[in-house]
Amino acid sequence: MAEEFTADRQEAANVSRDLKSIRAALDGGKTGALDARTGSEKVDDAMRRFFEESSDNRERMDQLLERAAGLLDALVEGTGTLDGSLADSLSTGQRSA
């Protein structure tokens, strides 16, 4: 069964890093349109209203990005630990009788 499961640890680490970068760019959904300066008061007001009304979705997205990055980090760490433990237990060495 083990041969059916593979994980590219480096790719998982890369995706986790990318998700953290996206999350940081979104700043936890706390900034954005509140500081809108488009030159049009109507457009600025519309952007502020949209931003205020969509805060639940931004907060949820922040939580999901954090969770996904955490799961990938755990995958990378867990598989590394497992690989190391298996390698240690399977290594050949001098044993005293």
PDB file of N, CA and C in Angstrom:
ATOM      1  N   MET A   1       0.806  -1.189   0.000  1.00  0.00           N
ATOM      2  CA  MET A   1       0.000   0.000   0.000  1.00  0.00           C
ATOM      3  C   MET A   1       0.857   1.264   0.000  1.00  0.00           C
ATOM      4  N   ALA A   2       1.994   1.207   0.640  1.00  0.00           N
ATOM      5  CA  ALA A   2       2.862   2.380   0.726  1.00  0.00           C
ATOM      6  C   ALA A   2       3.298   2.861  -0.654  1.00  0.00           C
ATOM      7  N   GLU A   3       3.446   1.950  -1.586  1.00  0.00           N
ATOM      8  CA  GLU A   3       3.876   2.344  -2.921  1.00  0.00           C
ATOM      9  C   GLU A   3       2.807   3.160  -3.655  1.00  0.00           C
ATOM     10  N   GLU A   4       1.579   3.130  -3.154  1.00  0.00           N
ATOM     11  CA  GLU A   4       0.506   3.895  -3.779  1.00  0.00           C
ATOM     12  C   GLU A   4       0.454   5.334  -3.295  1.00  0.00           C
ATOM     13  N   PHE A   5       1.147   5.657  -2.234  1.00  0.00           N
ATOM     14  CA  PHE A   5       1.143   7.004  -1.681  1.00  0.00           C
ATOM     15  C   PHE A   5       2.499   7.648  -1.905  1.00  0.00           C
ATOM     16  N   THR A   6       2.466   8.787  -2.566  1.00  0.00           N
ATOM     17  CA  THR A   6       3.702   9.548  -2.726  1.00  0.00           C
ATOM     18  C   THR A   6       3.402  11.010  -2.430  1.00  0.00           C
ATOM     19  N   ALA A   7       4.394  11.700  -1.962  1.00  0.00           N
ATOM     20  CA  ALA A   7       4.251  13.130  -1.699  1.00  0.00           C
ATOM     21  C   ALA A   7       5.560  13.809  -2.063  1.00  0.00           C
ATOM     22  N   ASP A   8       5.458  14.847  -2.835  1.00  0.00           N
ATOM     23  CA  ASP A   8       6.626  15.646  -3.177  1.00  0.00           C
ATOM     24  C   ASP A   8       6.775  16.695  -2.079  1.00  0.00           C
ATOM     25  N   ARG A   9       7.660  16.432  -1.139  1.00  0.00           N
ATOM     26  CA  ARG A   9       7.819  17.317   0.017  1.00  0.00           C
ATOM     27  C   ARG A   9       8.221  18.720  -0.400  1.00  0.00           C
ATOM     28  N   GLN A  10       9.071  18.835  -1.392  1.00  0.00           N
ATOM     29  CA  GLN A  10       9.505  20.156  -1.830  1.00  0.00           C
ATOM     30  C   GLN A  10       8.344  20.941  -2.431  1.00  0.00           C
ATOM     31  N   GLU A  11       7.530  20.262  -3.215  1.00  0.00           N
ATOM     32  CA  GLU A  11       6.372  20.936  -3.819  1.00  0.00           C
ATOM     33  C   GLU A  11       5.367  21.344  -2.746  1.00  0.00           C
ATOM     34  N   ALA A  12       5.163  20.490  -1.756  1.00  0.00           N
ATOM     35  CA  ALA A  12       4.259  20.837  -0.654  1.00  0.00           C
ATOM     36  C   ALA A  12       4.777  22.063   0.093  1.00  0.00           C
ATOM     37  N   ALA A  13       6.074  22.126   0.317  1.00  0.00           N
ATOM     38  CA  ALA A  13       6.673  23.292   0.982  1.00  0.00           C
ATOM     39  C   ALA A  13       6.505  24.542   0.126  1.00  0.00           C
ATOM     40  N   ASN A  14       6.667  24.400  -1.188  1.00  0.00           N
ATOM     41  CA  ASN A  14       6.494  25.541  -2.095  1.00  0.00           C
ATOM     42  C   ASN A  14       5.059  26.065  -2.066  1.00  0.00           C
ATOM     43  N   VAL A  15       4.102  25.149  -2.107  1.00  0.00           N
ATOM     44  CA  VAL A  15       2.687  25.560  -2.097  1.00  0.00           C
ATOM     45  C   VAL A  15       2.358  26.227  -0.762  1.00  0.00           C
ATOM     46  N   SER A  16       2.862  25.679   0.330  1.00  0.00           N
ATOM     47  CA  SER A  16       2.634  26.282   1.636  1.00  0.00           C
ATOM     48  C   SER A  16       3.193  27.702   1.680  1.00  0.00           C
ATOM     49  N   ARG A  17       4.390  27.882   1.164  1.00  0.00           N
ATOM     50  CA  ARG A  17       5.011  29.209   1.122  1.00  0.00           C
ATOM     51  C   ARG A  17       4.159  30.167   0.274  1.00  0.00           C
ATOM     52  N   ASP A  18       3.661  29.677  -0.856  1.00  0.00           N
ATOM     53  CA  ASP A  18       2.819  30.508  -1.718  1.00  0.00           C
ATOM     54  C   ASP A  18       1.517  30.910  -1.017  1.00  0.00           C
ATOM     55  N   LEU A  19       0.899  29.969  -0.302  1.00  0.00           N
ATOM     56  CA  LEU A  19      -0.334  30.270   0.420  1.00  0.00           C
ATOM     57  C   LEU A  19      -0.090  31.310   1.510  1.00  0.00           C
ATOM     58  N   LYS A  20       1.044  31.188   2.192  1.00  0.00           N
ATOM     59  CA  LYS A  20       1.384  32.180   3.222  1.00  0.00           C
ATOM     60  C   LYS A  20       1.617  33.548   2.596  1.00  0.00           C
ATOM     61  N   SER A  21       2.209  33.562   1.424  1.00  0.00           N
ATOM     62  CA  SER A  21       2.442  34.819   0.725  1.00  0.00           C
ATOM     63  C   SER A  21       1.114  35.467   0.317  1.00  0.00           C
ATOM     64  N   ILE A  22       0.194  34.668  -0.179  1.00  0.00           N
ATOM     65  CA  ILE A  22      -1.130  35.177  -0.554  1.00  0.00           C
ATOM     66  C   ILE A  22      -1.836  35.727   0.682  1.00  0.00           C
ATOM     67  N   ARG A  23      -1.757  34.976   1.773  1.00  0.00           N
ATOM     68  CA  ARG A  23      -2.403  35.403   3.015  1.00  0.00           C
ATOM     69  C   ARG A  23      -1.819  36.724   3.503  1.00  0.00           C
ATOM     70  N   ALA A  24      -0.506  36.854   3.433  1.00  0.00           N
ATOM     71  CA  ALA A  24       0.137  38.101   3.862  1.00  0.00           C
ATOM     72  C   ALA A  24      -0.286  39.262   2.959  1.00  0.00           C
ATOM     73  N   ALA A  25      -0.399  38.999   1.663  1.00  0.00           N
ATOM     74  CA  ALA A  25      -0.806  40.049   0.729  1.00  0.00           C
ATOM     75  C   ALA A  25      -2.241  40.501   1.004  1.00  0.00           C
ATOM     76  N   LEU A  26      -3.079  39.580   1.447  1.00  0.00           N
ATOM     77  CA  LEU A  26      -4.464  39.929   1.775  1.00  0.00           C
ATOM     78  C   LEU A  26      -4.564  40.578   3.151  1.00  0.00           C
ATOM     79  N   ASP A  27      -3.500  40.474   3.935  1.00  0.00           N
ATOM     80  CA  ASP A  27      -3.410  41.092   5.253  1.00  0.00           C
ATOM     81  C   ASP A  27      -4.574  40.702   6.154  1.00  0.00           C
ATOM     82  N   GLY A  28      -4.959  39.470   6.092  1.00  0.00           N
ATOM     83  CA  GLY A  28      -6.020  38.988   6.957  1.00  0.00           C
ATOM     84  C   GLY A  28      -7.369  39.638   6.692  1.00  0.00           C
ATOM     85  N   GLY A  29      -7.508  40.260   5.527  1.00  0.00           N
ATOM     86  CA  GLY A  29      -8.771  40.890   5.190  1.00  0.00           C
ATOM     87  C   GLY A  29      -9.026  42.197   5.919  1.00  0.00           C
ATOM     88  N   LYS A  30      -7.965  42.789   6.483  1.00  0.00           N
ATOM     89  CA  LYS A  30      -8.155  43.991   7.290  1.00  0.00           C
ATOM     90  C   LYS A  30      -7.941  45.288   6.525  1.00  0.00           C
ATOM     91  N   THR A  31      -7.292  45.223   5.389  1.00  0.00           N
ATOM     92  CA  THR A  31      -7.033  46.452   4.639  1.00  0.00           C
ATOM     93  C   THR A  31      -7.604  46.331   3.238  1.00  0.00           C
ATOM     94  N   GLY A  32      -7.453  47.343   2.480  1.00  0.00           N
ATOM     95  CA  GLY A  32      -7.913  47.286   1.095  1.00  0.00           C
ATOM     96  C   GLY A  32      -8.706  48.509   0.732  1.00  0.00           C
ATOM     97  N   ALA A  33      -9.960  48.298   0.458  1.00  0.00           N
ATOM     98  CA  ALA A  33     -10.807  49.369  -0.065  1.00  0.00           C
ATOM     99  C   ALA A  33     -11.115  50.447   0.959  1.00  0.00           C
ATOM    100  N   LEU A  34     -10.832  50.205   2.227  1.00  0.00           N
ATOM    101  CA  LEU A  34     -11.098  51.249   3.215  1.00  0.00           C
ATOM    102  C   LEU A  34     -10.308  52.509   2.907  1.00  0.00           C
ATOM    103  N   ASP A  35      -9.185  52.366   2.238  1.00  0.00           N
ATOM    104  CA  ASP A  35      -8.346  53.506   1.860  1.00  0.00           C
ATOM    105  C   ASP A  35      -8.458  53.808   0.373  1.00  0.00           C
ATOM    106  N   ALA A  36      -9.607  53.512  -0.212  1.00  0.00           N
ATOM    107  CA  ALA A  36      -9.772  53.699  -1.658  1.00  0.00           C
ATOM    108  C   ALA A  36      -9.611  55.168  -2.029  1.00  0.00           C
ATOM    109  N   ARG A  37      -8.805  55.390  -3.053  1.00  0.00           N
ATOM    110  CA  ARG A  37      -8.604  56.747  -3.581  1.00  0.00           C
ATOM    111  C   ARG A  37      -8.529  56.660  -5.099  1.00  0.00           C
ATOM    112  N   THR A  38      -9.702  56.569  -5.702  1.00  0.00           N
ATOM    113  CA  THR A  38      -9.751  56.415  -7.154  1.00  0.00           C
ATOM    114  C   THR A  38      -9.899  57.744  -7.878  1.00  0.00           C
ATOM    115  N   GLY A  39     -10.202  58.797  -7.116  1.00  0.00           N
ATOM    116  CA  GLY A  39     -10.466  60.087  -7.748  1.00  0.00           C
ATOM    117  C   GLY A  39     -11.946  60.346  -7.942  1.00  0.00           C
ATOM    118  N   SER A  40     -12.759  59.336  -7.678  1.00  0.00           N
ATOM    119  CA  SER A  40     -14.207  59.474  -7.803  1.00  0.00           C
ATOM    120  C   SER A  40     -14.836  59.119  -6.463  1.00  0.00           C
ATOM    121  N   GLU A  41     -15.538  60.071  -5.886  1.00  0.00           N
ATOM    122  CA  GLU A  41     -16.155  59.817  -4.589  1.00  0.00           C
ATOM    123  C   GLU A  41     -17.169  58.685  -4.657  1.00  0.00           C
ATOM    124  N   LYS A  42     -17.923  58.608  -5.762  1.00  0.00           N
ATOM    125  CA  LYS A  42     -18.911  57.530  -5.929  1.00  0.00           C
ATOM    126  C   LYS A  42     -18.236  56.163  -5.957  1.00  0.00           C
ATOM    127  N   VAL A  43     -17.142  56.049  -6.713  1.00  0.00           N
ATOM    128  CA  VAL A  43     -16.434  54.771  -6.814  1.00  0.00           C
ATOM    129  C   VAL A  43     -15.808  54.421  -5.468  1.00  0.00           C
ATOM    130  N   ASP A  44     -15.216  55.416  -4.796  1.00  0.00           N
ATOM    131  CA  ASP A  44     -14.625  55.162  -3.481  1.00  0.00           C
ATOM    132  C   ASP A  44     -15.673  54.671  -2.491  1.00  0.00           C
ATOM    133  N   ASP A  45     -16.844  55.310  -2.469  1.00  0.00           N
ATOM    134  CA  ASP A  45     -17.931  54.887  -1.576  1.00  0.00           C
ATOM    135  C   ASP A  45     -18.394  53.469  -1.902  1.00  0.00           C
ATOM    136  N   ALA A  46     -18.536  53.166  -3.184  1.00  0.00           N
ATOM    137  CA  ALA A  46     -18.963  51.824  -3.590  1.00  0.00           C
ATOM    138  C   ALA A  46     -17.942  50.782  -3.160  1.00  0.00           C
ATOM    139  N   MET A  47     -16.672  51.100  -3.315  1.00  0.00           N
ATOM    140  CA  MET A  47     -15.628  50.157  -2.910  1.00  0.00           C
ATOM    141  C   MET A  47     -15.637  49.959  -1.398  1.00  0.00           C
ATOM    142  N   ARG A  48     -15.802  51.023  -0.641  1.00  0.00           N
ATOM    143  CA  ARG A  48     -15.859  50.902   0.825  1.00  0.00           C
ATOM    144  C   ARG A  48     -17.043  50.047   1.263  1.00  0.00           C
ATOM    145  N   ARG A  49     -18.222  50.287   0.658  1.00  0.00           N
ATOM    146  CA  ARG A  49     -19.406  49.481   1.007  1.00  0.00           C
ATOM    147  C   ARG A  49     -19.179  48.010   0.678  1.00  0.00           C
ATOM    148  N   PHE A  50     -18.641  47.747  -0.512  1.00  0.00           N
ATOM    149  CA  PHE A  50     -18.371  46.362  -0.907  1.00  0.00           C
ATOM    150  C   PHE A  50     -17.391  45.721   0.069  1.00  0.00           C
ATOM    151  N   PHE A  51     -16.350  46.445   0.415  1.00  0.00           N
ATOM    152  CA  PHE A  51     -15.324  45.925   1.329  1.00  0.00           C
ATOM    153  C   PHE A  51     -15.940  45.600   2.687  1.00  0.00           C
ATOM    154  N   GLU A  52     -16.738  46.518   3.225  1.00  0.00           N
ATOM    155  CA  GLU A  52     -17.360  46.303   4.532  1.00  0.00           C
ATOM    156  C   GLU A  52     -18.329  45.124   4.511  1.00  0.00           C
ATOM    157  N   GLU A  53     -19.070  44.966   3.424  1.00  0.00           N
ATOM    158  CA  GLU A  53     -20.066  43.899   3.338  1.00  0.00           C
ATOM    159  C   GLU A  53     -19.459  42.527   3.042  1.00  0.00           C
ATOM    160  N   SER A  54     -18.228  42.506   2.571  1.00  0.00           N
ATOM    161  CA  SER A  54     -17.611  41.217   2.239  1.00  0.00           C
ATOM    162  C   SER A  54     -16.589  40.772   3.274  1.00  0.00           C
ATOM    163  N   SER A  55     -16.572  41.423   4.437  1.00  0.00           N
ATOM    164  CA  SER A  55     -15.550  41.106   5.438  1.00  0.00           C
ATOM    165  C   SER A  55     -15.628  39.661   5.920  1.00  0.00           C
ATOM    166  N   ASP A  56     -16.836  39.092   6.022  1.00  0.00           N
ATOM    167  CA  ASP A  56     -16.961  37.698   6.459  1.00  0.00           C
ATOM    168  C   ASP A  56     -16.241  36.760   5.503  1.00  0.00           C
ATOM    169  N   ASN A  57     -16.381  37.003   4.212  1.00  0.00           N
ATOM    170  CA  ASN A  57     -15.727  36.151   3.226  1.00  0.00           C
ATOM    171  C   ASN A  57     -14.215  36.297   3.283  1.00  0.00           C
ATOM    172  N   ARG A  58     -13.731  37.506   3.484  1.00  0.00           N
ATOM    173  CA  ARG A  58     -12.278  37.703   3.572  1.00  0.00           C
ATOM    174  C   ARG A  58     -11.710  37.027   4.808  1.00  0.00           C
ATOM    175  N   GLU A  59     -12.423  37.127   5.925  1.00  0.00           N
ATOM    176  CA  GLU A  59     -11.962  36.466   7.152  1.00  0.00           C
ATOM    177  C   GLU A  59     -11.958  34.951   6.977  1.00  0.00           C
ATOM    178  N   ARG A  60     -12.967  34.433   6.341  1.00  0.00           N
ATOM    179  CA  ARG A  60     -13.043  32.984   6.091  1.00  0.00           C
ATOM    180  C   ARG A  60     -11.906  32.547   5.163  1.00  0.00           C
ATOM    181  N   MET A  61     -11.630  33.343   4.122  1.00  0.00           N
ATOM    182  CA  MET A  61     -10.532  33.034   3.211  1.00  0.00           C
ATOM    183  C   MET A  61      -9.209  33.035   3.964  1.00  0.00           C
ATOM    184  N   ASP A  62      -9.026  33.989   4.859  1.00  0.00           N
ATOM    185  CA  ASP A  62      -7.800  34.052   5.658  1.00  0.00           C
ATOM    186  C   ASP A  62      -7.649  32.778   6.496  1.00  0.00           C
ATOM    187  N   GLN A  63      -8.728  32.353   7.116  1.00  0.00           N
ATOM    188  CA  GLN A  63      -8.700  31.135   7.931  1.00  0.00           C
ATOM    189  C   GLN A  63      -8.376  29.904   7.088  1.00  0.00           C
ATOM    190  N   LEU A  64      -8.980  29.826   5.910  1.00  0.00           N
ATOM    191  CA  LEU A  64      -8.738  28.673   5.039  1.00  0.00           C
ATOM    192  C   LEU A  64      -7.302  28.640   4.527  1.00  0.00           C
ATOM    193  N   LEU A  65      -6.762  29.807   4.183  1.00  0.00           N
ATOM    194  CA  LEU A  65      -5.368  29.863   3.729  1.00  0.00           C
ATOM    195  C   LEU A  65      -4.428  29.451   4.853  1.00  0.00           C
ATOM    196  N   GLU A  66      -4.705  29.928   6.060  1.00  0.00           N
ATOM    197  CA  GLU A  66      -3.869  29.570   7.208  1.00  0.00           C
ATOM    198  C   GLU A  66      -3.930  28.059   7.474  1.00  0.00           C
ATOM    199  N   ARG A  67      -5.113  27.509   7.406  1.00  0.00           N
ATOM    200  CA  ARG A  67      -5.286  26.070   7.656  1.00  0.00           C
ATOM    201  C   ARG A  67      -4.578  25.228   6.593  1.00  0.00           C
ATOM    202  N   ALA A  68      -4.765  25.596   5.326  1.00  0.00           N
ATOM    203  CA  ALA A  68      -4.133  24.832   4.244  1.00  0.00           C
ATOM    204  C   ALA A  68      -2.611  24.877   4.360  1.00  0.00           C
ATOM    205  N   ALA A  69      -2.064  26.056   4.640  1.00  0.00           N
ATOM    206  CA  ALA A  69      -0.607  26.178   4.794  1.00  0.00           C
ATOM    207  C   ALA A  69      -0.137  25.338   5.976  1.00  0.00           C
ATOM    208  N   GLY A  70      -0.889  25.346   7.063  1.00  0.00           N
ATOM    209  CA  GLY A  70      -0.527  24.552   8.237  1.00  0.00           C
ATOM    210  C   GLY A  70      -0.548  23.056   7.957  1.00  0.00           C
ATOM    211  N   LEU A  71      -1.557  22.608   7.221  1.00  0.00           N
ATOM    212  CA  LEU A  71      -1.626  21.184   6.872  1.00  0.00           C
ATOM    213  C   LEU A  71      -0.448  20.770   5.986  1.00  0.00           C
ATOM    214  N   LEU A  72      -0.095  21.627   5.044  1.00  0.00           N
ATOM    215  CA  LEU A  72       1.046  21.310   4.180  1.00  0.00           C
ATOM    216  C   LEU A  72       2.351  21.312   4.976  1.00  0.00           C
ATOM    217  N   ASP A  73       2.497  22.264   5.896  1.00  0.00           N
ATOM    218  CA  ASP A  73       3.690  22.274   6.751  1.00  0.00           C
ATOM    219  C   ASP A  73       3.783  20.989   7.568  1.00  0.00           C
ATOM    220  N   ALA A  74       2.645  20.551   8.101  1.00  0.00           N
ATOM    221  CA  ALA A  74       2.623  19.310   8.882  1.00  0.00           C
ATOM    222  C   ALA A  74       2.967  18.106   8.008  1.00  0.00           C
ATOM    223  N   LEU A  75       2.489  18.109   6.767  1.00  0.00           N
ATOM    224  CA  LEU A  75       2.820  17.031   5.835  1.00  0.00           C
ATOM    225  C   LEU A  75       4.325  16.980   5.589  1.00  0.00           C
ATOM    226  N   VAL A  76       4.908  18.131   5.337  1.00  0.00           N
ATOM    227  CA  VAL A  76       6.346  18.194   5.071  1.00  0.00           C
ATOM    228  C   VAL A  76       7.129  17.715   6.291  1.00  0.00           C
ATOM    229  N   GLU A  77       6.772  18.231   7.462  1.00  0.00           N
ATOM    230  CA  GLU A  77       7.486  17.858   8.684  1.00  0.00           C
ATOM    231  C   GLU A  77       7.282  16.378   9.018  1.00  0.00           C
ATOM    232  N   GLY A  78       6.025  15.926   8.917  1.00  0.00           N
ATOM    233  CA  GLY A  78       5.717  14.537   9.267  1.00  0.00           C
ATOM    234  C   GLY A  78       6.386  13.531   8.350  1.00  0.00           C
ATOM    235  N   THR A  79       6.361  13.798   7.053  1.00  0.00           N
ATOM    236  CA  THR A  79       7.004  12.857   6.133  1.00  0.00           C
ATOM    237  C   THR A  79       8.518  12.871   6.293  1.00  0.00           C
ATOM    238  N   GLY A  80       9.069  14.040   6.616  1.00  0.00           N
ATOM    239  CA  GLY A  80      10.520  14.112   6.859  1.00  0.00           C
ATOM    240  C   GLY A  80      10.917  13.308   8.082  1.00  0.00           C
ATOM    241  N   THR A  81      10.132  13.440   9.133  1.00  0.00           N
ATOM    242  CA  THR A  81      10.398  12.685  10.367  1.00  0.00           C
ATOM    243  C   THR A  81      10.241  11.190  10.124  1.00  0.00           C
ATOM    244  N   LEU A  82       9.178  10.816   9.418  1.00  0.00           N
ATOM    245  CA  LEU A  82       8.939   9.403   9.113  1.00  0.00           C
ATOM    246  C   LEU A  82      10.063   8.832   8.259  1.00  0.00           C
ATOM    247  N   ASP A  83      10.456   9.563   7.223  1.00  0.00           N
ATOM    248  CA  ASP A  83      11.554   9.099   6.372  1.00  0.00           C
ATOM    249  C   ASP A  83      12.832   8.908   7.179  1.00  0.00           C
ATOM    250  N   GLY A  84      13.121   9.869   8.051  1.00  0.00           N
ATOM    251  CA  GLY A  84      14.323   9.765   8.876  1.00  0.00           C
ATOM    252  C   GLY A  84      14.270   8.580   9.823  1.00  0.00           C
ATOM    253  N   SER A  85      13.124   8.372  10.432  1.00  0.00           N
ATOM    254  CA  SER A  85      12.965   7.241  11.359  1.00  0.00           C
ATOM    255  C   SER A  85      13.090   5.914  10.627  1.00  0.00           C
ATOM    256  N   LEU A  86      12.471   5.813   9.468  1.00  0.00           N
ATOM    257  CA  LEU A  86      12.576   4.575   8.684  1.00  0.00           C
ATOM    258  C   LEU A  86      14.017   4.330   8.256  1.00  0.00           C
ATOM    259  N   ALA A  87      14.687   5.376   7.810  1.00  0.00           N
ATOM    260  CA  ALA A  87      16.081   5.227   7.391  1.00  0.00           C
ATOM    261  C   ALA A  87      16.946   4.773   8.560  1.00  0.00           C
ATOM    262  N   ASP A  88      16.728   5.348   9.735  1.00  0.00           N
ATOM    263  CA  ASP A  88      17.504   4.956  10.920  1.00  0.00           C
ATOM    264  C   ASP A  88      17.244   3.506  11.301  1.00  0.00           C
ATOM    265  N   SER A  89      15.979   3.092  11.247  1.00  0.00           N
ATOM    266  CA  SER A  89      15.656   1.728  11.671  1.00  0.00           C
ATOM    267  C   SER A  89      16.096   0.676  10.653  1.00  0.00           C
ATOM    268  N   LEU A  90      16.240   1.090   9.400  1.00  0.00           N
ATOM    269  CA  LEU A  90      16.625   0.135   8.371  1.00  0.00           C
ATOM    270  C   LEU A  90      18.117   0.155   8.052  1.00  0.00           C
ATOM    271  N   SER A  91      18.841   1.078   8.666  1.00  0.00           N
ATOM    272  CA  SER A  91      20.261   1.166   8.347  1.00  0.00           C
ATOM    273  C   SER A  91      20.986  -0.053   8.904  1.00  0.00           C
ATOM    274  N   THR A  92      21.990  -0.459   8.175  1.00  0.00           N
ATOM    275  CA  THR A  92      22.783  -1.608   8.593  1.00  0.00           C
ATOM    276  C   THR A  92      23.944  -1.102   9.436  1.00  0.00           C
ATOM    277  N   GLY A  93      24.215  -1.772  10.454  1.00  0.00           N
ATOM    278  CA  GLY A  93      25.319  -1.380  11.322  1.00  0.00           C
ATOM    279  C   GLY A  93      25.830  -2.585  12.078  1.00  0.00           C
ATOM    280  N   GLN A  94      26.928  -2.380  12.718  1.00  0.00           N
ATOM    281  CA  GLN A  94      27.500  -3.445  13.537  1.00  0.00           C
ATOM    282  C   GLN A  94      26.648  -3.622  14.782  1.00  0.00           C
ATOM    283  N   ARG A  95      26.215  -4.832  14.983  1.00  0.00           N
ATOM    284  CA  ARG A  95      25.452  -5.144  16.190  1.00  0.00           C
ATOM    285  C   ARG A  95      26.265  -6.137  17.016  1.00  0.00           C
ATOM    286  N   SER A  96      26.267  -5.883  18.302  1.00  0.00           N
ATOM    287  CA  SER A  96      26.975  -6.834  19.165  1.00  0.00           C
ATOM    288  C   SER A  96      26.022  -7.932  19.599  1.00  0.00           C
ATOM    289  N   ALA A  97      26.539  -9.116  19.680  1.00  0.00           N
ATOM    290  CA  ALA A  97      25.704 -10.262  19.987  1.00  0.00           C
ATOM    291  C   ALA A  97      25.583 -10.511  21.450  1.00  0.00           C
TER     292      ALA A  97
END
